[in-house]
Structure formats: structure tokens, C-alpha cells
PDB file of N, CA and C in Angstrom:
ATOM      1  N   MET A   1     -16.547 -36.725 -12.385  1.00  0.00           N
ATOM      2  CA  MET A   1     -16.803 -35.708 -12.279  1.00  0.00           C
ATOM      3  C   MET A   1     -16.341 -35.161 -11.118  1.00  0.00           C
ATOM      4  N   LEU A   2     -16.185 -33.898 -10.515  1.00  0.00           N
ATOM      5  CA  LEU A   2     -15.927 -33.372  -9.276  1.00  0.00           C
ATOM      6  C   LEU A   2     -17.318 -32.373  -9.223  1.00  0.00           C
ATOM      7  N   LEU A   3     -17.444 -32.654  -7.809  1.00  0.00           N
ATOM      8  CA  LEU A   3     -18.675 -31.553  -7.314  1.00  0.00           C
ATOM      9  C   LEU A   3     -18.303 -30.374  -7.510  1.00  0.00           C
ATOM     10  N   ASP A   4     -19.030 -29.168  -7.112  1.00  0.00           N
ATOM     11  CA  ASP A   4     -18.869 -27.888  -7.354  1.00  0.00           C
ATOM     12  C   ASP A   4     -17.808 -27.591  -6.086  1.00  0.00           C
ATOM     13  N   THR A   5     -18.231 -27.808  -4.684  1.00  0.00           N
ATOM     14  CA  THR A   5     -17.554 -27.476  -3.974  1.00  0.00           C
ATOM     15  C   THR A   5     -15.864 -27.974  -3.681  1.00  0.00           C
ATOM     16  N   THR A   6     -16.082 -28.868  -4.708  1.00  0.00           N
ATOM     17  CA  THR A   6     -14.587 -29.428  -4.597  1.00  0.00           C
ATOM     18  C   THR A   6     -13.780 -29.028  -5.654  1.00  0.00           C
ATOM     19  N   LYS A   7     -14.272 -28.556  -6.658  1.00  0.00           N
ATOM     20  CA  LYS A   7     -13.603 -27.518  -7.880  1.00  0.00           C
ATOM     21  C   LYS A   7     -13.306 -26.314  -7.341  1.00  0.00           C
ATOM     22  N   THR A   8     -14.226 -26.005  -6.104  1.00  0.00           N
ATOM     23  CA  THR A   8     -14.068 -24.785  -5.542  1.00  0.00           C
ATOM     24  C   THR A   8     -12.965 -24.713  -4.657  1.00  0.00           C
ATOM     25  N   ALA A   9     -12.627 -25.556  -3.740  1.00  0.00           N
ATOM     26  CA  ALA A   9     -11.744 -26.118  -3.052  1.00  0.00           C
ATOM     27  C   ALA A   9     -10.446 -26.386  -3.418  1.00  0.00           C
ATOM     28  N   LEU A  10     -10.275 -26.836  -4.750  1.00  0.00           N
ATOM     29  CA  LEU A  10      -9.105 -26.996  -5.309  1.00  0.00           C
ATOM     30  C   LEU A  10      -8.620 -25.878  -6.046  1.00  0.00           C
ATOM     31  N   THR A  11      -9.583 -24.948  -6.615  1.00  0.00           N
ATOM     32  CA  THR A  11      -9.115 -23.646  -6.851  1.00  0.00           C
ATOM     33  C   THR A  11      -8.681 -22.894  -5.859  1.00  0.00           C
ATOM     34  N   SER A  12      -9.135 -22.669  -4.612  1.00  0.00           N
ATOM     35  CA  SER A  12      -8.627 -21.734  -3.540  1.00  0.00           C
ATOM     36  C   SER A  12      -7.162 -22.433  -3.503  1.00  0.00           C
ATOM     37  N   ILE A  13      -6.824 -23.315  -3.105  1.00  0.00           N
ATOM     38  CA  ILE A  13      -5.764 -24.387  -2.692  1.00  0.00           C
ATOM     39  C   ILE A  13      -4.508 -24.065  -3.768  1.00  0.00           C
ATOM     40  N   LEU A  14      -5.041 -24.061  -5.200  1.00  0.00           N
ATOM     41  CA  LEU A  14      -3.850 -23.420  -5.875  1.00  0.00           C
ATOM     42  C   LEU A  14      -3.927 -22.188  -6.299  1.00  0.00           C
ATOM     43  N   LYS A  15      -4.670 -21.256  -5.413  1.00  0.00           N
ATOM     44  CA  LYS A  15      -4.232 -19.590  -5.753  1.00  0.00           C
ATOM     45  C   LYS A  15      -3.606 -19.671  -4.185  1.00  0.00           C
ATOM     46  N   CYS A  16      -3.162 -20.200  -3.312  1.00  0.00           N
ATOM     47  CA  CYS A  16      -2.466 -20.264  -2.360  1.00  0.00           C
ATOM     48  C   CYS A  16      -1.031 -20.731  -2.655  1.00  0.00           C
ATOM     49  N   ASP A  17      -0.922 -21.462  -3.452  1.00  0.00           N
ATOM     50  CA  ASP A  17       0.600 -21.882  -4.138  1.00  0.00           C
ATOM     51  C   ASP A  17       1.296 -20.568  -4.463  1.00  0.00           C
ATOM     52  N   PRO A  18       2.351 -20.272  -3.701  1.00  0.00           N
ATOM     53  CA  PRO A  18       3.051 -19.056  -4.727  1.00  0.00           C
ATOM     54  C   PRO A  18       3.844 -19.777  -5.837  1.00  0.00           C
ATOM     55  N   ASN A  19       3.963 -20.942  -6.089  1.00  0.00           N
ATOM     56  CA  ASN A  19       4.739 -21.231  -7.102  1.00  0.00           C
ATOM     57  C   ASN A  19       3.748 -21.568  -8.266  1.00  0.00           C
ATOM     58  N   MET A  20       2.390 -21.415  -8.338  1.00  0.00           N
ATOM     59  CA  MET A  20       1.434 -21.655  -9.150  1.00  0.00           C
ATOM     60  C   MET A  20       1.058 -20.639 -10.313  1.00  0.00           C
ATOM     61  N   THR A  21       1.396 -20.606 -11.347  1.00  0.00           N
ATOM     62  CA  THR A  21       1.102 -19.805 -12.300  1.00  0.00           C
ATOM     63  C   THR A  21      -0.581 -19.453 -12.310  1.00  0.00           C
ATOM     64  N   PRO A  22      -1.541 -18.566 -12.546  1.00  0.00           N
ATOM     65  CA  PRO A  22      -2.849 -18.677 -13.059  1.00  0.00           C
ATOM     66  C   PRO A  22      -3.071 -19.725 -13.731  1.00  0.00           C
ATOM     67  N   GLN A  23      -2.434 -19.577 -15.125  1.00  0.00           N
ATOM     68  CA  GLN A  23      -2.776 -20.411 -16.275  1.00  0.00           C
ATOM     69  C   GLN A  23      -2.566 -21.979 -15.753  1.00  0.00           C
ATOM     70  N   ARG A  24      -1.402 -22.466 -15.110  1.00  0.00           N
ATOM     71  CA  ARG A  24      -1.044 -23.447 -14.582  1.00  0.00           C
ATOM     72  C   ARG A  24      -2.271 -24.351 -13.928  1.00  0.00           C
ATOM     73  N   GLY A  25      -2.852 -23.548 -12.956  1.00  0.00           N
ATOM     74  CA  GLY A  25      -3.835 -23.657 -12.144  1.00  0.00           C
ATOM     75  C   GLY A  25      -4.953 -24.110 -12.595  1.00  0.00           C
ATOM     76  N   LYS A  26      -5.469 -23.240 -13.779  1.00  0.00           N
ATOM     77  CA  LYS A  26      -6.524 -23.650 -14.698  1.00  0.00           C
ATOM     78  C   LYS A  26      -6.445 -24.548 -15.260  1.00  0.00           C
ATOM     79  N   GLU A  27      -5.227 -25.124 -15.909  1.00  0.00           N
ATOM     80  CA  GLU A  27      -5.211 -26.256 -16.171  1.00  0.00           C
ATOM     81  C   GLU A  27      -5.124 -27.246 -15.638  1.00  0.00           C
ATOM     82  N   ILE A  28      -4.687 -27.464 -14.734  1.00  0.00           N
ATOM     83  CA  ILE A  28      -5.094 -28.261 -13.757  1.00  0.00           C
ATOM     84  C   ILE A  28      -6.487 -28.816 -12.801  1.00  0.00           C
ATOM     85  N   VAL A  29      -7.348 -27.539 -12.468  1.00  0.00           N
ATOM     86  CA  VAL A  29      -8.471 -27.589 -12.366  1.00  0.00           C
ATOM     87  C   VAL A  29      -9.189 -28.327 -13.397  1.00  0.00           C
ATOM     88  N   ARG A  30      -9.228 -27.613 -14.664  1.00  0.00           N
ATOM     89  CA  ARG A  30      -9.877 -28.240 -16.133  1.00  0.00           C
ATOM     90  C   ARG A  30      -9.531 -29.702 -16.033  1.00  0.00           C
ATOM     91  N   PHE A  31      -8.252 -30.427 -16.009  1.00  0.00           N
ATOM     92  CA  PHE A  31      -7.830 -31.854 -16.271  1.00  0.00           C
ATOM     93  C   PHE A  31      -8.630 -32.568 -14.733  1.00  0.00           C
ATOM     94  N   ALA A  32      -8.622 -32.068 -13.706  1.00  0.00           N
ATOM     95  CA  ALA A  32      -9.303 -32.875 -12.701  1.00  0.00           C
ATOM     96  C   ALA A  32     -11.051 -32.962 -12.826  1.00  0.00           C
ATOM     97  N   CYS A  33     -11.493 -31.829 -13.613  1.00  0.00           N
ATOM     98  CA  CYS A  33     -12.763 -31.933 -13.782  1.00  0.00           C
ATOM     99  C   CYS A  33     -13.243 -32.588 -15.186  1.00  0.00           C
ATOM    100  N   GLN A  34     -12.609 -33.099 -15.852  1.00  0.00           N
ATOM    101  CA  GLN A  34     -12.501 -34.149 -17.156  1.00  0.00           C
ATOM    102  C   GLN A  34     -13.118 -35.455 -16.546  1.00  0.00           C
ATOM    103  N   ASP A  35     -14.280 -35.543 -17.112  1.00  0.00           N
ATOM    104  CA  ASP A  35     -14.887 -36.917 -17.061  1.00  0.00           C
ATOM    105  C   ASP A  35     -13.578 -37.913 -17.719  1.00  0.00           C
ATOM    106  N   PRO A  36     -13.429 -39.068 -16.833  1.00  0.00           N
ATOM    107  CA  PRO A  36     -12.499 -40.082 -17.277  1.00  0.00           C
ATOM    108  C   PRO A  36     -12.608 -40.878 -18.553  1.00  0.00           C
ATOM    109  N   ALA A  37     -13.746 -40.964 -18.766  1.00  0.00           N
ATOM    110  CA  ALA A  37     -14.377 -41.546 -20.019  1.00  0.00           C
ATOM    111  C   ALA A  37     -13.823 -40.755 -21.388  1.00  0.00           C
ATOM    112  N   HIS A  38     -13.995 -39.512 -21.055  1.00  0.00           N
ATOM    113  CA  HIS A  38     -13.224 -38.889 -22.616  1.00  0.00           C
ATOM    114  C   HIS A  38     -11.972 -37.583 -22.155  1.00  0.00           C
ATOM    115  N   ALA A  39     -11.504 -38.249 -21.318  1.00  0.00           N
ATOM    116  CA  ALA A  39      -9.905 -37.805 -20.925  1.00  0.00           C
ATOM    117  C   ALA A  39      -9.039 -38.215 -22.252  1.00  0.00           C
ATOM    118  N   PRO A  40      -8.080 -37.418 -22.847  1.00  0.00           N
ATOM    119  CA  PRO A  40      -7.195 -37.304 -23.785  1.00  0.00           C
ATOM    120  C   PRO A  40      -6.661 -38.874 -23.689  1.00  0.00           C
ATOM    121  N   ASN A  41      -6.628 -39.695 -24.570  1.00  0.00           N
ATOM    122  CA  ASN A  41      -5.950 -40.795 -24.797  1.00  0.00           C
ATOM    123  C   ASN A  41      -4.313 -40.572 -24.546  1.00  0.00           C
ATOM    124  N   GLU A  42      -3.469 -41.005 -23.612  1.00  0.00           N
ATOM    125  CA  GLU A  42      -2.420 -40.722 -23.649  1.00  0.00           C
ATOM    126  C   GLU A  42      -1.717 -42.259 -23.601  1.00  0.00           C
ATOM    127  N   LYS A  43      -0.092 -42.149 -24.308  1.00  0.00           N
ATOM    128  CA  LYS A  43       0.243 -43.610 -24.373  1.00  0.00           C
ATOM    129  C   LYS A  43       0.312 -44.191 -22.837  1.00  0.00           C
ATOM    130  N   ALA A  44       0.202 -45.363 -22.818  1.00  0.00           N
ATOM    131  CA  ALA A  44      -0.172 -46.231 -21.684  1.00  0.00           C
ATOM    132  C   ALA A  44       1.755 -46.451 -20.670  1.00  0.00           C
ATOM    133  N   ILE A  45       2.170 -46.139 -20.063  1.00  0.00           N
ATOM    134  CA  ILE A  45       3.565 -46.606 -19.348  1.00  0.00           C
ATOM    135  C   ILE A  45       3.637 -47.879 -19.441  1.00  0.00           C
ATOM    136  N   GLU A  46       4.852 -48.650 -20.476  1.00  0.00           N
ATOM    137  CA  GLU A  46       5.035 -49.882 -20.500  1.00  0.00           C
ATOM    138  C   GLU A  46       5.825 -50.262 -19.051  1.00  0.00           C
ATOM    139  N   ARG A  47       5.342 -51.624 -18.661  1.00  0.00           N
ATOM    140  CA  ARG A  47       6.129 -52.163 -17.529  1.00  0.00           C
ATOM    141  C   ARG A  47       7.258 -52.684 -18.003  1.00  0.00           C
ATOM    142  N   ILE A  48       8.361 -52.441 -17.427  1.00  0.00           N
ATOM    143  CA  ILE A  48       9.592 -52.730 -18.017  1.00  0.00           C
ATOM    144  C   ILE A  48       9.986 -54.026 -16.916  1.00  0.00           C
ATOM    145  N   VAL A  49      10.360 -55.209 -17.192  1.00  0.00           N
ATOM    146  CA  VAL A  49      10.501 -56.200 -16.355  1.00  0.00           C
ATOM    147  C   VAL A  49      12.732 -56.651 -16.872  1.00  0.00           C
ATOM    148  N   ARG A  50      12.610 -57.075 -15.199  1.00  0.00           N
ATOM    149  CA  ARG A  50      14.175 -57.523 -15.449  1.00  0.00           C
ATOM    150  C   ARG A  50      14.366 -58.692 -15.971  1.00  0.00           C
ATOM    151  N   ARG A  51      16.126 -58.783 -16.120  1.00  0.00           N
ATOM    152  CA  ARG A  51      16.236 -60.364 -16.874  1.00  0.00           C
ATOM    153  C   ARG A  51      15.926 -61.589 -16.197  1.00  0.00           C
ATOM    154  N   ARG A  52      15.835 -61.445 -15.202  1.00  0.00           N
ATOM    155  CA  ARG A  52      15.846 -62.452 -13.858  1.00  0.00           C
ATOM    156  C   ARG A  52      14.273 -62.835 -14.168  1.00  0.00           C
ATOM    157  N   GLU A  53      13.288 -61.831 -13.554  1.00  0.00           N
ATOM    158  CA  GLU A  53      12.102 -61.757 -13.669  1.00  0.00           C
ATOM    159  C   GLU A  53      11.433 -62.209 -15.126  1.00  0.00           C
ATOM    160  N   ALA A  54      11.607 -61.825 -16.229  1.00  0.00           N
ATOM    161  CA  ALA A  54      11.478 -62.262 -17.105  1.00  0.00           C
ATOM    162  C   ALA A  54      11.859 -63.822 -17.699  1.00  0.00           C
ATOM    163  N   ALA A  55      12.774 -64.328 -17.087  1.00  0.00           N
ATOM    164  CA  ALA A  55      13.677 -65.320 -17.205  1.00  0.00           C
ATOM    165  C   ALA A  55      12.209 -66.477 -16.165  1.00  0.00           C
ATOM    166  N   GLU A  56      11.711 -66.238 -15.242  1.00  0.00           N
ATOM    167  CA  GLU A  56      11.028 -66.747 -14.133  1.00  0.00           C
ATOM    168  C   GLU A  56       9.556 -66.948 -15.063  1.00  0.00           C
ATOM    169  N   LEU A  57       9.221 -65.837 -15.620  1.00  0.00           N
ATOM    170  CA  LEU A  57       7.705 -65.798 -16.306  1.00  0.00           C
ATOM    171  C   LEU A  57       7.929 -66.708 -17.714  1.00  0.00           C
ATOM    172  N   LEU A  58       8.785 -66.984 -18.261  1.00  0.00           N
ATOM    173  CA  LEU A  58       9.248 -67.805 -19.293  1.00  0.00           C
ATOM    174  C   LEU A  58       9.303 -68.932 -19.060  1.00  0.00           C
ATOM    175  N   SER A  59       9.953 -69.358 -17.609  1.00  0.00           N
ATOM    176  CA  SER A  59      10.291 -70.814 -16.934  1.00  0.00           C
ATOM    177  C   SER A  59      11.534 -71.061 -17.996  1.00  0.00           C
ATOM    178  N   VAL A  60      12.563 -70.244 -18.163  1.00  0.00           N
ATOM    179  CA  VAL A  60      13.799 -70.202 -18.789  1.00  0.00           C
ATOM    180  C   VAL A  60      14.702 -69.637 -17.750  1.00  0.00           C
ATOM    181  N   THR A  61      16.138 -70.069 -18.230  1.00  0.00           N
ATOM    182  CA  THR A  61      17.538 -69.445 -17.534  1.00  0.00           C
ATOM    183  C   THR A  61      17.710 -68.231 -18.026  1.00  0.00           C
ATOM    184  N   PRO A  62      18.263 -67.513 -17.121  1.00  0.00           N
ATOM    185  CA  PRO A  62      18.631 -65.797 -17.429  1.00  0.00           C
ATOM    186  C   PRO A  62      19.291 -65.772 -18.852  1.00  0.00           C
ATOM    187  N   ARG A  63      20.255 -66.894 -18.945  1.00  0.00           N
ATOM    188  CA  ARG A  63      20.954 -67.098 -19.644  1.00  0.00           C
ATOM    189  C   ARG A  63      20.234 -67.313 -21.242  1.00  0.00           C
ATOM    190  N   CYS A  64      19.508 -68.028 -20.952  1.00  0.00           N
ATOM    191  CA  CYS A  64      18.428 -68.091 -22.361  1.00  0.00           C
ATOM    192  C   CYS A  64      17.872 -66.463 -22.998  1.00  0.00           C
ATOM    193  N   ILE A  65      17.534 -65.766 -21.815  1.00  0.00           N
ATOM    194  CA  ILE A  65      16.899 -64.415 -22.046  1.00  0.00           C
ATOM    195  C   ILE A  65      17.853 -63.536 -23.024  1.00  0.00           C
ATOM    196  N   ASP A  66      19.157 -63.599 -22.413  1.00  0.00           N
ATOM    197  CA  ASP A  66      20.412 -63.361 -22.874  1.00  0.00           C
ATOM    198  C   ASP A  66      20.353 -63.732 -24.490  1.00  0.00           C
ATOM    199  N   ASN A  67      20.497 -64.988 -24.810  1.00  0.00           N
ATOM    200  CA  ASN A  67      20.486 -65.705 -26.189  1.00  0.00           C
ATOM    201  C   ASN A  67      19.192 -65.142 -26.919  1.00  0.00           C
ATOM    202  N   TRP A  68      17.995 -64.800 -26.510  1.00  0.00           N
ATOM    203  CA  TRP A  68      16.706 -64.344 -27.298  1.00  0.00           C
ATOM    204  C   TRP A  68      16.969 -62.784 -27.734  1.00  0.00           C
ATOM    205  N   ALA A  69      17.607 -62.228 -26.835  1.00  0.00           N
ATOM    206  CA  ALA A  69      17.967 -60.783 -26.787  1.00  0.00           C
ATOM    207  C   ALA A  69      18.835 -60.502 -27.967  1.00  0.00           C
ATOM    208  N   THR A  70      19.895 -61.692 -28.102  1.00  0.00           N
ATOM    209  CA  THR A  70      20.922 -61.393 -29.215  1.00  0.00           C
ATOM    210  C   THR A  70      20.541 -61.438 -30.190  1.00  0.00           C
ATOM    211  N   SER A  71      19.674 -62.681 -30.378  1.00  0.00           N
ATOM    212  CA  SER A  71      19.127 -63.264 -31.884  1.00  0.00           C
ATOM    213  C   SER A  71      17.795 -62.318 -32.202  1.00  0.00           C
ATOM    214  N   GLY A  72      17.552 -61.235 -31.371  1.00  0.00           N
ATOM    215  CA  GLY A  72      16.389 -60.288 -31.902  1.00  0.00           C
ATOM    216  C   GLY A  72      14.879 -60.851 -31.237  1.00  0.00           C
ATOM    217  N   LEU A  73      14.721 -62.124 -30.870  1.00  0.00           N
ATOM    218  CA  LEU A  73      13.632 -62.406 -30.423  1.00  0.00           C
ATOM    219  C   LEU A  73      13.413 -61.739 -29.122  1.00  0.00           C
ATOM    220  N   LEU A  74      13.874 -61.420 -28.515  1.00  0.00           N
ATOM    221  CA  LEU A  74      13.387 -60.019 -27.458  1.00  0.00           C
ATOM    222  C   LEU A  74      14.296 -58.653 -27.625  1.00  0.00           C
ATOM    223  N   HIS A  75      13.740 -57.553 -27.399  1.00  0.00           N
ATOM    224  CA  HIS A  75      13.966 -56.096 -27.505  1.00  0.00           C
ATOM    225  C   HIS A  75      14.598 -55.944 -26.138  1.00  0.00           C
ATOM    226  N   LYS A  76      15.820 -55.311 -26.139  1.00  0.00           N
ATOM    227  CA  LYS A  76      16.277 -54.587 -24.805  1.00  0.00           C
ATOM    228  C   LYS A  76      15.887 -53.593 -24.689  1.00  0.00           C
ATOM    229  N   VAL A  77      15.495 -52.808 -23.205  1.00  0.00           N
ATOM    230  CA  VAL A  77      15.077 -51.294 -23.264  1.00  0.00           C
ATOM    231  C   VAL A  77      15.968 -50.938 -22.274  1.00  0.00           C
ATOM    232  N   MET A  78      16.804 -49.951 -22.337  1.00  0.00           N
ATOM    233  CA  MET A  78      18.063 -49.146 -22.162  1.00  0.00           C
ATOM    234  C   MET A  78      17.269 -48.467 -20.535  1.00  0.00           C
ATOM    235  N   LEU A  79      17.111 -48.649 -19.605  1.00  0.00           N
ATOM    236  CA  LEU A  79      16.743 -47.875 -18.223  1.00  0.00           C
ATOM    237  C   LEU A  79      17.354 -46.649 -18.056  1.00  0.00           C
ATOM    238  N   PRO A  80      16.546 -46.075 -17.960  1.00  0.00           N
ATOM    239  CA  PRO A  80      16.697 -43.964 -18.054  1.00  0.00           C
ATOM    240  C   PRO A  80      17.963 -44.167 -17.142  1.00  0.00           C
ATOM    241  N   GLY A  81      18.788 -42.912 -17.682  1.00  0.00           N
ATOM    242  CA  GLY A  81      19.874 -42.751 -16.619  1.00  0.00           C
ATOM    243  C   GLY A  81      21.165 -43.887 -16.224  1.00  0.00           C
ATOM    244  N   ARG A  82      20.692 -44.975 -17.107  1.00  0.00           N
ATOM    245  CA  ARG A  82      21.844 -45.930 -16.646  1.00  0.00           C
ATOM    246  C   ARG A  82      22.535 -46.272 -18.034  1.00  0.00           C
ATOM    247  N   THR A  83      23.611 -46.746 -17.767  1.00  0.00           N
ATOM    248  CA  THR A  83      24.374 -47.032 -19.000  1.00  0.00           C
ATOM    249  C   THR A  83      24.408 -48.678 -19.283  1.00  0.00           C
ATOM    250  N   ARG A  84      24.294 -49.460 -18.436  1.00  0.00           N
ATOM    251  CA  ARG A  84      24.075 -50.965 -18.477  1.00  0.00           C
ATOM    252  C   ARG A  84      22.781 -51.647 -18.343  1.00  0.00           C
ATOM    253  N   ALA A  85      22.072 -50.965 -17.532  1.00  0.00           N
ATOM    254  CA  ALA A  85      20.839 -51.646 -16.760  1.00  0.00           C
ATOM    255  C   ALA A  85      19.995 -51.831 -18.163  1.00  0.00           C
ATOM    256  N   ALA A  86      19.461 -52.614 -18.427  1.00  0.00           N
ATOM    257  CA  ALA A  86      18.393 -53.013 -19.618  1.00  0.00           C
ATOM    258  C   ALA A  86      17.457 -53.854 -19.110  1.00  0.00           C
ATOM    259  N   GLY A  87      16.014 -53.725 -19.406  1.00  0.00           N
ATOM    260  CA  GLY A  87      14.932 -54.652 -19.216  1.00  0.00           C
ATOM    261  C   GLY A  87      14.351 -55.231 -20.295  1.00  0.00           C
ATOM    262  N   PHE A  88      13.423 -55.560 -20.348  1.00  0.00           N
ATOM    263  CA  PHE A  88      12.282 -56.135 -21.319  1.00  0.00           C
ATOM    264  C   PHE A  88      11.186 -55.553 -21.082  1.00  0.00           C
ATOM    265  N   ARG A  89      10.265 -55.335 -22.141  1.00  0.00           N
ATOM    266  CA  ARG A  89       8.840 -55.248 -21.859  1.00  0.00           C
ATOM    267  C   ARG A  89       7.942 -56.007 -21.552  1.00  0.00           C
ATOM    268  N   LEU A  90       7.105 -56.053 -20.719  1.00  0.00           N
ATOM    269  CA  LEU A  90       6.513 -57.020 -20.619  1.00  0.00           C
ATOM    270  C   LEU A  90       5.574 -57.494 -21.014  1.00  0.00           C
ATOM    271  N   SER A  91       4.862 -56.709 -22.272  1.00  0.00           N
ATOM    272  CA  SER A  91       4.134 -56.960 -23.202  1.00  0.00           C
ATOM    273  C   SER A  91       5.009 -57.967 -24.142  1.00  0.00           C
ATOM    274  N   ASP A  92       6.303 -57.391 -24.174  1.00  0.00           N
ATOM    275  CA  ASP A  92       7.233 -58.503 -25.378  1.00  0.00           C
ATOM    276  C   ASP A  92       7.414 -60.116 -24.606  1.00  0.00           C
ATOM    277  N   VAL A  93       7.520 -59.807 -23.351  1.00  0.00           N
ATOM    278  CA  VAL A  93       7.624 -61.098 -22.645  1.00  0.00           C
ATOM    279  C   VAL A  93       6.430 -61.782 -22.586  1.00  0.00           C
ATOM    280  N   GLU A  94       4.875 -61.246 -22.355  1.00  0.00           N
ATOM    281  CA  GLU A  94       3.761 -62.210 -22.502  1.00  0.00           C
ATOM    282  C   GLU A  94       3.577 -62.480 -24.064  1.00  0.00           C
ATOM    283  N   ALA A  95       4.181 -61.775 -25.301  1.00  0.00           N
ATOM    284  CA  ALA A  95       3.529 -62.111 -26.351  1.00  0.00           C
ATOM    285  C   ALA A  95       4.445 -63.880 -26.571  1.00  0.00           C
ATOM    286  N   LEU A  96       5.839 -63.723 -26.126  1.00  0.00           N
ATOM    287  CA  LEU A  96       6.780 -64.914 -26.268  1.00  0.00           C
ATOM    288  C   LEU A  96       5.819 -66.093 -25.597  1.00  0.00           C
ATOM    289  N   MET A  97       4.868 -65.583 -24.330  1.00  0.00           N
ATOM    290  CA  MET A  97       4.111 -66.573 -23.422  1.00  0.00           C
ATOM    291  C   MET A  97       3.177 -66.949 -24.246  1.00  0.00           C
ATOM    292  N   THR A  98       2.415 -66.479 -24.821  1.00  0.00           N
ATOM    293  CA  THR A  98       1.570 -66.690 -25.974  1.00  0.00           C
ATOM    294  C   THR A  98       1.645 -67.403 -27.121  1.00  0.00           C
ATOM    295  N   GLY A  99       3.185 -67.139 -27.428  1.00  0.00           N
ATOM    296  CA  GLY A  99       3.565 -67.462 -28.916  1.00  0.00           C
ATOM    297  C   GLY A  99       2.990 -66.625 -30.239  1.00  0.00           C
ATOM    298  N   GLU A 100       3.129 -65.483 -29.780  1.00  0.00           N
ATOM    299  CA  GLU A 100       2.566 -64.542 -30.527  1.00  0.00           C
ATOM    300  C   GLU A 100       3.909 -63.399 -31.211  1.00  0.00           C
ATOM    301  N   VAL A 101       4.577 -63.918 -30.923  1.00  0.00           N
ATOM    302  CA  VAL A 101       5.748 -63.508 -31.192  1.00  0.00           C
ATOM    303  C   VAL A 101       6.376 -63.478 -32.884  1.00  0.00           C
ATOM    304  N   GLN A 102       6.459 -62.350 -33.392  1.00  0.00           N
ATOM    305  CA  GLN A 102       7.094 -62.498 -34.934  1.00  0.00           C
ATOM    306  C   GLN A 102       8.579 -62.333 -35.224  1.00  0.00           C
ATOM    307  N   SER A 103       9.519 -63.136 -35.202  1.00  0.00           N
ATOM    308  CA  SER A 103      11.411 -62.826 -35.711  1.00  0.00           C
ATOM    309  C   SER A 103      11.501 -62.193 -36.792  1.00  0.00           C
TER     310      SER A 103
END
């Protein structure tokens, strides 16, 4: 929770911004004043690891990672704005490490 003085200062700063609409300013202040324990649940951003990093984590070769991706054991995630670059979800790699993967 923010102190009242911090809330007042934030409101004043947002009012000075010529690009800030009053509605958007109120949304930002409301968001900043939320108790983190009661904040809306947003989907966590999943960390993507590159092929080589996945191989190092699993103590295998990058070619093995390619084979697992081809067989469907690991699922490739295309990186935004790229045509060939792909990675793997860290949670999928960790699931392979712990043996929790279902093929």
C-alpha cells in the first residue's frame, strides 16, 4: 500500500504529463495503490531458453534437443518477430529434468 503523500505525488506527476489521459492516470494510480496480495492474477511470463541452454541444463547435446523436439518430447516456441528462431519453455525443460514429462 502507498502512503497518501506518495499517492498525491504520483497523481501530480501524471497530471503534468501531456500525453496522459485523466482516465489512464486514474488507472495507474489505482494499480499502484493495490495491495500486492489482492492484485489481479495475471498469467506469469514463461522464460524461454535457447537450444544450447536447454542442452546444458539436461546434460545432452544440442542435437539431442533437436531430436526430442522432432519427436514431440519438447515443444518449440517461436520467438516473436523471428522467422527461424525458436526456444523451449523452461518449465518443459525442468519437467524433463525431474522426469515429469508425458509423451
